């Protein structure tokens, strides 16, 4: 992992994971979700430098859950309407309390 993007990210982001087992390609969505919901500005810069803005733009659309604050933030910085995010569509279709 030495020299990879993961070694340059804040250690607390992956407190519950074995960082040695994370793969920047296979675990991309987990890494992006953690960086954008809990990371620092430096973590975000590292992510954009590693993956590139286009790949980040496409990948965040597939993340299953983003809190509202992170969704709004990504919508603004990446210039993507919230409605395009998969997590936005999913949250609208769910009825967690069974209210009709």
PDB file of N, CA and C in Angstrom:
ATOM      1  N   UNK A   1       0.822  -1.197   0.000  1.00  0.00           N
ATOM      2  CA  UNK A   1       0.000   0.000   0.000  1.00  0.00           C
ATOM      3  C   UNK A   1       0.867   1.261   0.000  1.00  0.00           C
ATOM      4  N   UNK A   2       2.096   1.141   0.413  1.00  0.00           N
ATOM      5  CA  UNK A   2       2.982   2.296   0.454  1.00  0.00           C
ATOM      6  C   UNK A   2       3.045   2.961  -0.919  1.00  0.00           C
ATOM      7  N   UNK A   3       2.822   4.275  -0.946  1.00  0.00           N
ATOM      8  CA  UNK A   3       2.873   4.999  -2.204  1.00  0.00           C
ATOM      9  C   UNK A   3       1.554   5.042  -2.953  1.00  0.00           C
ATOM     10  N   UNK A   4       0.543   4.300  -2.502  1.00  0.00           N
ATOM     11  CA  UNK A   4      -0.748   4.336  -3.176  1.00  0.00           C
ATOM     12  C   UNK A   4      -1.566   5.497  -2.652  1.00  0.00           C
ATOM     13  N   UNK A   5      -2.665   5.739  -3.303  1.00  0.00           N
ATOM     14  CA  UNK A   5      -3.547   6.824  -2.869  1.00  0.00           C
ATOM     15  C   UNK A   5      -4.027   6.593  -1.432  1.00  0.00           C
ATOM     16  N   UNK A   6      -4.239   5.356  -1.051  1.00  0.00           N
ATOM     17  CA  UNK A   6      -4.730   5.066   0.299  1.00  0.00           C
ATOM     18  C   UNK A   6      -3.747   5.498   1.375  1.00  0.00           C
ATOM     19  N   UNK A   7      -2.469   5.409   1.090  1.00  0.00           N
ATOM     20  CA  UNK A   7      -1.468   5.808   2.082  1.00  0.00           C
ATOM     21  C   UNK A   7      -1.430   7.324   2.274  1.00  0.00           C
ATOM     22  N   UNK A   8      -2.003   8.065   1.335  1.00  0.00           N
ATOM     23  CA  UNK A   8      -2.004   9.523   1.419  1.00  0.00           C
ATOM     24  C   UNK A   8      -3.302  10.080   1.996  1.00  0.00           C
ATOM     25  N   UNK A   9      -4.268   9.199   2.268  1.00  0.00           N
ATOM     26  CA  UNK A   9      -5.548   9.640   2.824  1.00  0.00           C
ATOM     27  C   UNK A   9      -5.523   9.557   4.345  1.00  0.00           C
ATOM     28  N   UNK A  10      -6.375  10.353   4.992  1.00  0.00           N
ATOM     29  CA  UNK A  10      -6.465  10.340   6.452  1.00  0.00           C
ATOM     30  C   UNK A  10      -6.742   8.929   6.958  1.00  0.00           C
ATOM     31  N   UNK A  11      -5.981   8.519   7.943  1.00  0.00           N
ATOM     32  CA  UNK A  11      -6.081   7.151   8.459  1.00  0.00           C
ATOM     33  C   UNK A  11      -7.439   6.857   9.085  1.00  0.00           C
ATOM     34  N   UNK A  12      -8.065   7.853   9.712  1.00  0.00           N
ATOM     35  CA  UNK A  12      -9.340   7.623  10.391  1.00  0.00           C
ATOM     36  C   UNK A  12     -10.480   7.271   9.432  1.00  0.00           C
ATOM     37  N   UNK A  13     -10.316   7.550   8.150  1.00  0.00           N
ATOM     38  CA  UNK A  13     -11.379   7.266   7.186  1.00  0.00           C
ATOM     39  C   UNK A  13     -11.687   5.775   7.093  1.00  0.00           C
ATOM     40  N   UNK A  14     -10.696   4.961   7.349  1.00  0.00           N
ATOM     41  CA  UNK A  14     -10.856   3.513   7.192  1.00  0.00           C
ATOM     42  C   UNK A  14     -10.562   2.791   8.504  1.00  0.00           C
ATOM     43  N   UNK A  15     -11.054   3.371   9.584  1.00  0.00           N
ATOM     44  CA  UNK A  15     -10.819   2.827  10.919  1.00  0.00           C
ATOM     45  C   UNK A  15     -11.356   1.401  11.065  1.00  0.00           C
ATOM     46  N   UNK A  16     -12.396   1.072  10.313  1.00  0.00           N
ATOM     47  CA  UNK A  16     -13.051  -0.231  10.448  1.00  0.00           C
ATOM     48  C   UNK A  16     -12.613  -1.224   9.373  1.00  0.00           C
ATOM     49  N   UNK A  17     -11.640  -0.845   8.572  1.00  0.00           N
ATOM     50  CA  UNK A  17     -11.180  -1.690   7.462  1.00  0.00           C
ATOM     51  C   UNK A  17      -9.694  -1.982   7.614  1.00  0.00           C
ATOM     52  N   UNK A  18      -9.287  -3.085   7.061  1.00  0.00           N
ATOM     53  CA  UNK A  18      -7.871  -3.364   6.940  1.00  0.00           C
ATOM     54  C   UNK A  18      -7.398  -2.627   5.691  1.00  0.00           C
ATOM     55  N   UNK A  19      -6.717  -1.525   5.897  1.00  0.00           N
ATOM     56  CA  UNK A  19      -6.290  -0.680   4.774  1.00  0.00           C
ATOM     57  C   UNK A  19      -5.430  -1.448   3.775  1.00  0.00           C
ATOM     58  N   UNK A  20      -4.700  -2.441   4.263  1.00  0.00           N
ATOM     59  CA  UNK A  20      -3.850  -3.245   3.381  1.00  0.00           C
ATOM     60  C   UNK A  20      -4.672  -4.066   2.395  1.00  0.00           C
ATOM     61  N   UNK A  21      -5.915  -4.359   2.751  1.00  0.00           N
ATOM     62  CA  UNK A  21      -6.773  -5.197   1.914  1.00  0.00           C
ATOM     63  C   UNK A  21      -7.605  -4.386   0.916  1.00  0.00           C
ATOM     64  N   UNK A  22      -7.661  -3.064   1.091  1.00  0.00           N
ATOM     65  CA  UNK A  22      -8.449  -2.233   0.186  1.00  0.00           C
ATOM     66  C   UNK A  22      -7.745  -2.094  -1.156  1.00  0.00           C
ATOM     67  N   UNK A  23      -8.526  -2.160  -2.197  1.00  0.00           N
ATOM     68  CA  UNK A  23      -8.009  -2.009  -3.554  1.00  0.00           C
ATOM     69  C   UNK A  23      -8.596  -0.725  -4.133  1.00  0.00           C
ATOM     70  N   UNK A  24      -7.757   0.233  -4.550  1.00  0.00           N
ATOM     71  CA  UNK A  24      -8.272   1.508  -5.056  1.00  0.00           C
ATOM     72  C   UNK A  24      -9.245   1.376  -6.225  1.00  0.00           C
ATOM     73  N   UNK A  25      -9.129   0.292  -6.995  1.00  0.00           N
ATOM     74  CA  UNK A  25     -10.056   0.112  -8.115  1.00  0.00           C
ATOM     75  C   UNK A  25     -11.316  -0.622  -7.671  1.00  0.00           C
ATOM     76  N   UNK A  26     -11.142  -1.750  -7.033  1.00  0.00           N
ATOM     77  CA  UNK A  26     -12.288  -2.572  -6.637  1.00  0.00           C
ATOM     78  C   UNK A  26     -13.131  -1.905  -5.547  1.00  0.00           C
ATOM     79  N   UNK A  27     -12.505  -1.153  -4.668  1.00  0.00           N
ATOM     80  CA  UNK A  27     -13.204  -0.519  -3.548  1.00  0.00           C
ATOM     81  C   UNK A  27     -13.395   0.979  -3.753  1.00  0.00           C
ATOM     82  N   UNK A  28     -13.410   1.382  -5.010  1.00  0.00           N
ATOM     83  CA  UNK A  28     -13.493   2.803  -5.348  1.00  0.00           C
ATOM     84  C   UNK A  28     -14.690   3.504  -4.705  1.00  0.00           C
ATOM     85  N   UNK A  29     -15.878   2.905  -4.776  1.00  0.00           N
ATOM     86  CA  UNK A  29     -17.065   3.573  -4.234  1.00  0.00           C
ATOM     87  C   UNK A  29     -16.979   3.755  -2.720  1.00  0.00           C
ATOM     88  N   UNK A  30     -16.459   2.761  -2.017  1.00  0.00           N
ATOM     89  CA  UNK A  30     -16.267   2.888  -0.571  1.00  0.00           C
ATOM     90  C   UNK A  30     -15.297   4.023  -0.271  1.00  0.00           C
ATOM     91  N   UNK A  31     -14.209   4.058  -0.995  1.00  0.00           N
ATOM     92  CA  UNK A  31     -13.196   5.103  -0.786  1.00  0.00           C
ATOM     93  C   UNK A  31     -13.780   6.484  -1.058  1.00  0.00           C
ATOM     94  N   UNK A  32     -14.503   6.627  -2.158  1.00  0.00           N
ATOM     95  CA  UNK A  32     -15.096   7.926  -2.489  1.00  0.00           C
ATOM     96  C   UNK A  32     -16.137   8.344  -1.449  1.00  0.00           C
ATOM     97  N   UNK A  33     -16.965   7.406  -1.043  1.00  0.00           N
ATOM     98  CA  UNK A  33     -17.998   7.728  -0.036  1.00  0.00           C
ATOM     99  C   UNK A  33     -17.343   8.209   1.250  1.00  0.00           C
ATOM    100  N   UNK A  34     -16.312   7.517   1.708  1.00  0.00           N
ATOM    101  CA  UNK A  34     -15.646   7.903   2.961  1.00  0.00           C
ATOM    102  C   UNK A  34     -14.966   9.261   2.832  1.00  0.00           C
ATOM    103  N   UNK A  35     -14.288   9.490   1.728  1.00  0.00           N
ATOM    104  CA  UNK A  35     -13.568  10.754   1.555  1.00  0.00           C
ATOM    105  C   UNK A  35     -14.547  11.923   1.497  1.00  0.00           C
ATOM    106  N   UNK A  36     -15.621  11.787   0.742  1.00  0.00           N
ATOM    107  CA  UNK A  36     -16.533  12.921   0.600  1.00  0.00           C
ATOM    108  C   UNK A  36     -17.434  13.127   1.812  1.00  0.00           C
ATOM    109  N   UNK A  37     -17.705  12.095   2.575  1.00  0.00           N
ATOM    110  CA  UNK A  37     -18.550  12.295   3.762  1.00  0.00           C
ATOM    111  C   UNK A  37     -17.743  12.650   4.998  1.00  0.00           C
ATOM    112  N   UNK A  38     -16.485  12.176   5.083  1.00  0.00           N
ATOM    113  CA  UNK A  38     -15.724  12.365   6.315  1.00  0.00           C
ATOM    114  C   UNK A  38     -14.319  12.920   6.122  1.00  0.00           C
ATOM    115  N   UNK A  39     -13.894  13.078   4.891  1.00  0.00           N
ATOM    116  CA  UNK A  39     -12.514  13.456   4.627  1.00  0.00           C
ATOM    117  C   UNK A  39     -12.238  14.945   4.701  1.00  0.00           C
ATOM    118  N   UNK A  40     -10.974  15.246   4.567  1.00  0.00           N
ATOM    119  CA  UNK A  40     -10.519  16.638   4.574  1.00  0.00           C
ATOM    120  C   UNK A  40     -10.397  17.146   3.140  1.00  0.00           C
ATOM    121  N   UNK A  41     -10.135  18.415   3.021  1.00  0.00           N
ATOM    122  CA  UNK A  41      -9.909  19.002   1.701  1.00  0.00           C
ATOM    123  C   UNK A  41      -8.712  18.338   1.020  1.00  0.00           C
ATOM    124  N   UNK A  42      -7.685  18.034   1.788  1.00  0.00           N
ATOM    125  CA  UNK A  42      -6.512  17.360   1.237  1.00  0.00           C
ATOM    126  C   UNK A  42      -6.878  15.965   0.724  1.00  0.00           C
ATOM    127  N   UNK A  43      -7.741  15.242   1.462  1.00  0.00           N
ATOM    128  CA  UNK A  43      -8.188  13.923   1.019  1.00  0.00           C
ATOM    129  C   UNK A  43      -8.904  14.032  -0.332  1.00  0.00           C
ATOM    130  N   UNK A  44      -9.742  15.040  -0.462  1.00  0.00           N
ATOM    131  CA  UNK A  44     -10.462  15.237  -1.722  1.00  0.00           C
ATOM    132  C   UNK A  44      -9.490  15.532  -2.873  1.00  0.00           C
ATOM    133  N   UNK A  45      -8.490  16.358  -2.611  1.00  0.00           N
ATOM    134  CA  UNK A  45      -7.492  16.662  -3.644  1.00  0.00           C
ATOM    135  C   UNK A  45      -6.772  15.394  -4.079  1.00  0.00           C
ATOM    136  N   UNK A  46      -6.421  14.552  -3.127  1.00  0.00           N
ATOM    137  CA  UNK A  46      -5.745  13.286  -3.448  1.00  0.00           C
ATOM    138  C   UNK A  46      -6.629  12.404  -4.327  1.00  0.00           C
ATOM    139  N   UNK A  47      -7.908  12.364  -4.013  1.00  0.00           N
ATOM    140  CA  UNK A  47      -8.862  11.552  -4.776  1.00  0.00           C
ATOM    141  C   UNK A  47      -8.970  12.064  -6.211  1.00  0.00           C
ATOM    142  N   UNK A  48      -9.117  13.371  -6.373  1.00  0.00           N
ATOM    143  CA  UNK A  48      -9.217  13.930  -7.722  1.00  0.00           C
ATOM    144  C   UNK A  48      -7.917  13.731  -8.501  1.00  0.00           C
ATOM    145  N   UNK A  49      -6.776  13.855  -7.825  1.00  0.00           N
ATOM    146  CA  UNK A  49      -5.492  13.625  -8.499  1.00  0.00           C
ATOM    147  C   UNK A  49      -5.348  12.174  -8.934  1.00  0.00           C
ATOM    148  N   UNK A  50      -5.812  11.256  -8.107  1.00  0.00           N
ATOM    149  CA  UNK A  50      -5.643   9.832  -8.409  1.00  0.00           C
ATOM    150  C   UNK A  50      -6.632   9.349  -9.470  1.00  0.00           C
ATOM    151  N   UNK A  51      -7.930   9.613  -9.247  1.00  0.00           N
ATOM    152  CA  UNK A  51      -8.959   9.085 -10.143  1.00  0.00           C
ATOM    153  C   UNK A  51      -9.266  10.003 -11.321  1.00  0.00           C
ATOM    154  N   UNK A  52      -9.080  11.294 -11.154  1.00  0.00           N
ATOM    155  CA  UNK A  52      -9.458  12.255 -12.187  1.00  0.00           C
ATOM    156  C   UNK A  52     -10.915  12.669 -12.009  1.00  0.00           C
ATOM    157  N   UNK A  53     -11.219  13.875 -12.413  1.00  0.00           N
ATOM    158  CA  UNK A  53     -12.558  14.424 -12.194  1.00  0.00           C
ATOM    159  C   UNK A  53     -13.637  13.642 -12.948  1.00  0.00           C
ATOM    160  N   UNK A  54     -13.368  13.223 -14.166  1.00  0.00           N
ATOM    161  CA  UNK A  54     -14.376  12.504 -14.944  1.00  0.00           C
ATOM    162  C   UNK A  54     -14.750  11.178 -14.301  1.00  0.00           C
ATOM    163  N   UNK A  55     -13.755  10.431 -13.848  1.00  0.00           N
ATOM    164  CA  UNK A  55     -14.048   9.147 -13.209  1.00  0.00           C
ATOM    165  C   UNK A  55     -14.799   9.360 -11.900  1.00  0.00           C
ATOM    166  N   UNK A  56     -14.404  10.363 -11.119  1.00  0.00           N
ATOM    167  CA  UNK A  56     -15.109  10.664  -9.868  1.00  0.00           C
ATOM    168  C   UNK A  56     -16.554  11.039 -10.171  1.00  0.00           C
ATOM    169  N   UNK A  57     -16.764  11.878 -11.175  1.00  0.00           N
ATOM    170  CA  UNK A  57     -18.124  12.290 -11.547  1.00  0.00           C
ATOM    171  C   UNK A  57     -18.994  11.076 -11.870  1.00  0.00           C
ATOM    172  N   UNK A  58     -18.466  10.139 -12.631  1.00  0.00           N
ATOM    173  CA  UNK A  58     -19.241   8.963 -12.999  1.00  0.00           C
ATOM    174  C   UNK A  58     -19.439   8.016 -11.818  1.00  0.00           C
ATOM    175  N   UNK A  59     -18.415   7.849 -11.007  1.00  0.00           N
ATOM    176  CA  UNK A  59     -18.472   6.882  -9.907  1.00  0.00           C
ATOM    177  C   UNK A  59     -19.428   7.312  -8.797  1.00  0.00           C
ATOM    178  N   UNK A  60     -19.453   8.599  -8.456  1.00  0.00           N
ATOM    179  CA  UNK A  60     -20.313   9.022  -7.344  1.00  0.00           C
ATOM    180  C   UNK A  60     -21.795   8.839  -7.676  1.00  0.00           C
ATOM    181  N   UNK A  61     -22.119   8.786  -8.946  1.00  0.00           N
ATOM    182  CA  UNK A  61     -23.515   8.572  -9.328  1.00  0.00           C
ATOM    183  C   UNK A  61     -24.008   7.186  -8.917  1.00  0.00           C
ATOM    184  N   UNK A  62     -23.086   6.244  -8.734  1.00  0.00           N
ATOM    185  CA  UNK A  62     -23.438   4.871  -8.387  1.00  0.00           C
ATOM    186  C   UNK A  62     -23.377   4.564  -6.898  1.00  0.00           C
ATOM    187  N   UNK A  63     -22.922   5.498  -6.079  1.00  0.00           N
ATOM    188  CA  UNK A  63     -22.836   5.241  -4.640  1.00  0.00           C
ATOM    189  C   UNK A  63     -24.247   5.071  -4.092  1.00  0.00           C
ATOM    190  N   UNK A  64     -24.445   4.016  -3.313  1.00  0.00           N
ATOM    191  CA  UNK A  64     -25.781   3.642  -2.823  1.00  0.00           C
ATOM    192  C   UNK A  64     -26.342   4.596  -1.776  1.00  0.00           C
ATOM    193  N   UNK A  65     -25.481   5.186  -0.942  1.00  0.00           N
ATOM    194  CA  UNK A  65     -25.979   6.100   0.083  1.00  0.00           C
ATOM    195  C   UNK A  65     -25.025   7.266   0.258  1.00  0.00           C
ATOM    196  N   UNK A  66     -25.584   8.460   0.239  1.00  0.00           N
ATOM    197  CA  UNK A  66     -24.882   9.685   0.612  1.00  0.00           C
ATOM    198  C   UNK A  66     -25.842  10.499   1.458  1.00  0.00           C
ATOM    199  N   UNK A  67     -25.339  11.053   2.551  1.00  0.00           N
ATOM    200  CA  UNK A  67     -26.211  11.916   3.352  1.00  0.00           C
ATOM    201  C   UNK A  67     -26.555  13.163   2.529  1.00  0.00           C
ATOM    202  N   UNK A  68     -27.582  13.873   2.949  1.00  0.00           N
ATOM    203  CA  UNK A  68     -28.067  15.019   2.160  1.00  0.00           C
ATOM    204  C   UNK A  68     -27.007  16.099   1.979  1.00  0.00           C
ATOM    205  N   UNK A  69     -26.231  16.346   3.010  1.00  0.00           N
ATOM    206  CA  UNK A  69     -25.195  17.378   2.932  1.00  0.00           C
ATOM    207  C   UNK A  69     -24.148  17.011   1.880  1.00  0.00           C
ATOM    208  N   UNK A  70     -23.703  15.753   1.890  1.00  0.00           N
ATOM    209  CA  UNK A  70     -22.698  15.304   0.926  1.00  0.00           C
ATOM    210  C   UNK A  70     -23.270  15.287  -0.482  1.00  0.00           C
ATOM    211  N   UNK A  71     -24.508  14.852  -0.616  1.00  0.00           N
ATOM    212  CA  UNK A  71     -25.170  14.847  -1.927  1.00  0.00           C
ATOM    213  C   UNK A  71     -25.230  16.262  -2.490  1.00  0.00           C
ATOM    214  N   UNK A  72     -25.643  17.223  -1.689  1.00  0.00           N
ATOM    215  CA  UNK A  72     -25.703  18.614  -2.143  1.00  0.00           C
ATOM    216  C   UNK A  72     -24.319  19.135  -2.524  1.00  0.00           C
ATOM    217  N   UNK A  73     -23.331  18.831  -1.689  1.00  0.00           N
ATOM    218  CA  UNK A  73     -21.959  19.266  -1.950  1.00  0.00           C
ATOM    219  C   UNK A  73     -21.450  18.722  -3.281  1.00  0.00           C
ATOM    220  N   UNK A  74     -21.597  17.415  -3.486  1.00  0.00           N
ATOM    221  CA  UNK A  74     -21.124  16.806  -4.737  1.00  0.00           C
ATOM    222  C   UNK A  74     -21.888  17.334  -5.939  1.00  0.00           C
ATOM    223  N   UNK A  75     -23.171  17.563  -5.765  1.00  0.00           N
ATOM    224  CA  UNK A  75     -23.984  18.114  -6.842  1.00  0.00           C
ATOM    225  C   UNK A  75     -23.430  19.471  -7.285  1.00  0.00           C
ATOM    226  N   UNK A  76     -23.028  20.265  -6.316  1.00  0.00           N
ATOM    227  CA  UNK A  76     -22.520  21.607  -6.615  1.00  0.00           C
ATOM    228  C   UNK A  76     -21.114  21.556  -7.214  1.00  0.00           C
ATOM    229  N   UNK A  77     -20.191  20.844  -6.551  1.00  0.00           N
ATOM    230  CA  UNK A  77     -18.795  20.897  -7.030  1.00  0.00           C
ATOM    231  C   UNK A  77     -18.595  20.152  -8.345  1.00  0.00           C
ATOM    232  N   UNK A  78     -19.441  19.158  -8.608  1.00  0.00           N
ATOM    233  CA  UNK A  78     -19.300  18.392  -9.847  1.00  0.00           C
ATOM    234  C   UNK A  78     -20.291  18.827 -10.924  1.00  0.00           C
ATOM    235  N   UNK A  79     -21.156  19.798 -10.563  1.00  0.00           N
ATOM    236  CA  UNK A  79     -22.147  20.330 -11.493  1.00  0.00           C
ATOM    237  C   UNK A  79     -23.030  19.218 -12.071  1.00  0.00           C
ATOM    238  N   UNK A  80     -23.580  18.416 -11.149  1.00  0.00           N
ATOM    239  CA  UNK A  80     -24.480  17.321 -11.520  1.00  0.00           C
ATOM    240  C   UNK A  80     -25.790  17.533 -10.765  1.00  0.00           C
ATOM    241  N   UNK A  81     -26.919  17.526 -11.443  1.00  0.00           N
ATOM    242  CA  UNK A  81     -28.197  17.650 -10.725  1.00  0.00           C
ATOM    243  C   UNK A  81     -28.375  16.491  -9.743  1.00  0.00           C
ATOM    244  N   UNK A  82     -28.908  16.795  -8.568  1.00  0.00           N
ATOM    245  CA  UNK A  82     -29.101  15.767  -7.538  1.00  0.00           C
ATOM    246  C   UNK A  82     -29.910  14.583  -8.056  1.00  0.00           C
ATOM    247  N   UNK A  83     -30.835  14.854  -8.942  1.00  0.00           N
ATOM    248  CA  UNK A  83     -31.718  13.812  -9.462  1.00  0.00           C
ATOM    249  C   UNK A  83     -30.963  12.731 -10.238  1.00  0.00           C
ATOM    250  N   UNK A  84     -29.743  13.031 -10.676  1.00  0.00           N
ATOM    251  CA  UNK A  84     -28.944  12.069 -11.442  1.00  0.00           C
ATOM    252  C   UNK A  84     -28.246  11.030 -10.553  1.00  0.00           C
ATOM    253  N   UNK A  85     -28.134  11.318  -9.266  1.00  0.00           N
ATOM    254  CA  UNK A  85     -27.460  10.417  -8.339  1.00  0.00           C
ATOM    255  C   UNK A  85     -28.352   9.230  -8.017  1.00  0.00           C
ATOM    256  N   UNK A  86     -27.768   8.033  -8.048  1.00  0.00           N
ATOM    257  CA  UNK A  86     -28.512   6.828  -7.720  1.00  0.00           C
ATOM    258  C   UNK A  86     -29.054   6.849  -6.303  1.00  0.00           C
ATOM    259  N   UNK A  87     -28.298   7.420  -5.367  1.00  0.00           N
ATOM    260  CA  UNK A  87     -28.757   7.460  -3.981  1.00  0.00           C
ATOM    261  C   UNK A  87     -29.954   8.396  -3.832  1.00  0.00           C
ATOM    262  N   UNK A  88     -30.061   9.410  -4.658  1.00  0.00           N
ATOM    263  CA  UNK A  88     -31.214  10.319  -4.615  1.00  0.00           C
ATOM    264  C   UNK A  88     -32.454   9.592  -5.087  1.00  0.00           C
ATOM    265  N   UNK A  89     -32.341   8.860  -6.171  1.00  0.00           N
ATOM    266  CA  UNK A  89     -33.472   8.105  -6.706  1.00  0.00           C
ATOM    267  C   UNK A  89     -33.915   7.035  -5.718  1.00  0.00           C
ATOM    268  N   UNK A  90     -32.941   6.371  -5.094  1.00  0.00           N
ATOM    269  CA  UNK A  90     -33.251   5.314  -4.145  1.00  0.00           C
ATOM    270  C   UNK A  90     -33.979   5.869  -2.927  1.00  0.00           C
ATOM    271  N   UNK A  91     -33.544   7.006  -2.417  1.00  0.00           N
ATOM    272  CA  UNK A  91     -34.173   7.576  -1.224  1.00  0.00           C
ATOM    273  C   UNK A  91     -35.613   7.993  -1.510  1.00  0.00           C
ATOM    274  N   UNK A  92     -35.918   8.385  -2.736  1.00  0.00           N
ATOM    275  CA  UNK A  92     -37.285   8.753  -3.083  1.00  0.00           C
ATOM    276  C   UNK A  92     -38.196   7.530  -3.187  1.00  0.00           C
ATOM    277  N   UNK A  93     -37.624   6.399  -3.576  1.00  0.00           N
ATOM    278  CA  UNK A  93     -38.445   5.212  -3.777  1.00  0.00           C
ATOM    279  C   UNK A  93     -38.666   4.412  -2.492  1.00  0.00           C
ATOM    280  N   UNK A  94     -37.869   4.679  -1.469  1.00  0.00           N
ATOM    281  CA  UNK A  94     -37.996   3.951  -0.217  1.00  0.00           C
ATOM    282  C   UNK A  94     -39.097   4.552   0.646  1.00  0.00           C
ATOM    283  N   UNK A  95     -39.729   3.697   1.413  1.00  0.00           N
ATOM    284  CA  UNK A  95     -40.748   4.116   2.372  1.00  0.00           C
ATOM    285  C   UNK A  95     -40.413   3.454   3.695  1.00  0.00           C
ATOM    286  N   UNK A  96     -39.426   3.982   4.438  1.00  0.00           N
ATOM    287  CA  UNK A  96     -38.916   3.293   5.613  1.00  0.00           C
ATOM    288  C   UNK A  96     -39.912   3.126   6.744  1.00  0.00           C
ATOM    289  N   UNK A  97     -40.956   3.950   6.789  1.00  0.00           N
ATOM    290  CA  UNK A  97     -41.901   3.866   7.888  1.00  0.00           C
ATOM    291  C   UNK A  97     -43.217   3.230   7.492  1.00  0.00           C
ATOM    292  N   UNK A  98     -43.325   2.769   6.268  1.00  0.00           N
ATOM    293  CA  UNK A  98     -44.539   2.099   5.814  1.00  0.00           C
ATOM    294  C   UNK A  98     -45.753   3.005   5.718  1.00  0.00           C
ATOM    295  N   UNK A  99     -45.536   4.282   5.538  1.00  0.00           N
ATOM    296  CA  UNK A  99     -46.636   5.252   5.449  1.00  0.00           C
ATOM    297  C   UNK A  99     -47.060   5.358   4.003  1.00  0.00           C
ATOM    298  N   UNK A 100     -48.356   5.245   3.759  1.00  0.00           N
ATOM    299  CA  UNK A 100     -48.844   5.361   2.383  1.00  0.00           C
ATOM    300  C   UNK A 100     -49.553   6.672   2.180  1.00  0.00           C
TER     301      UNK A 100
END
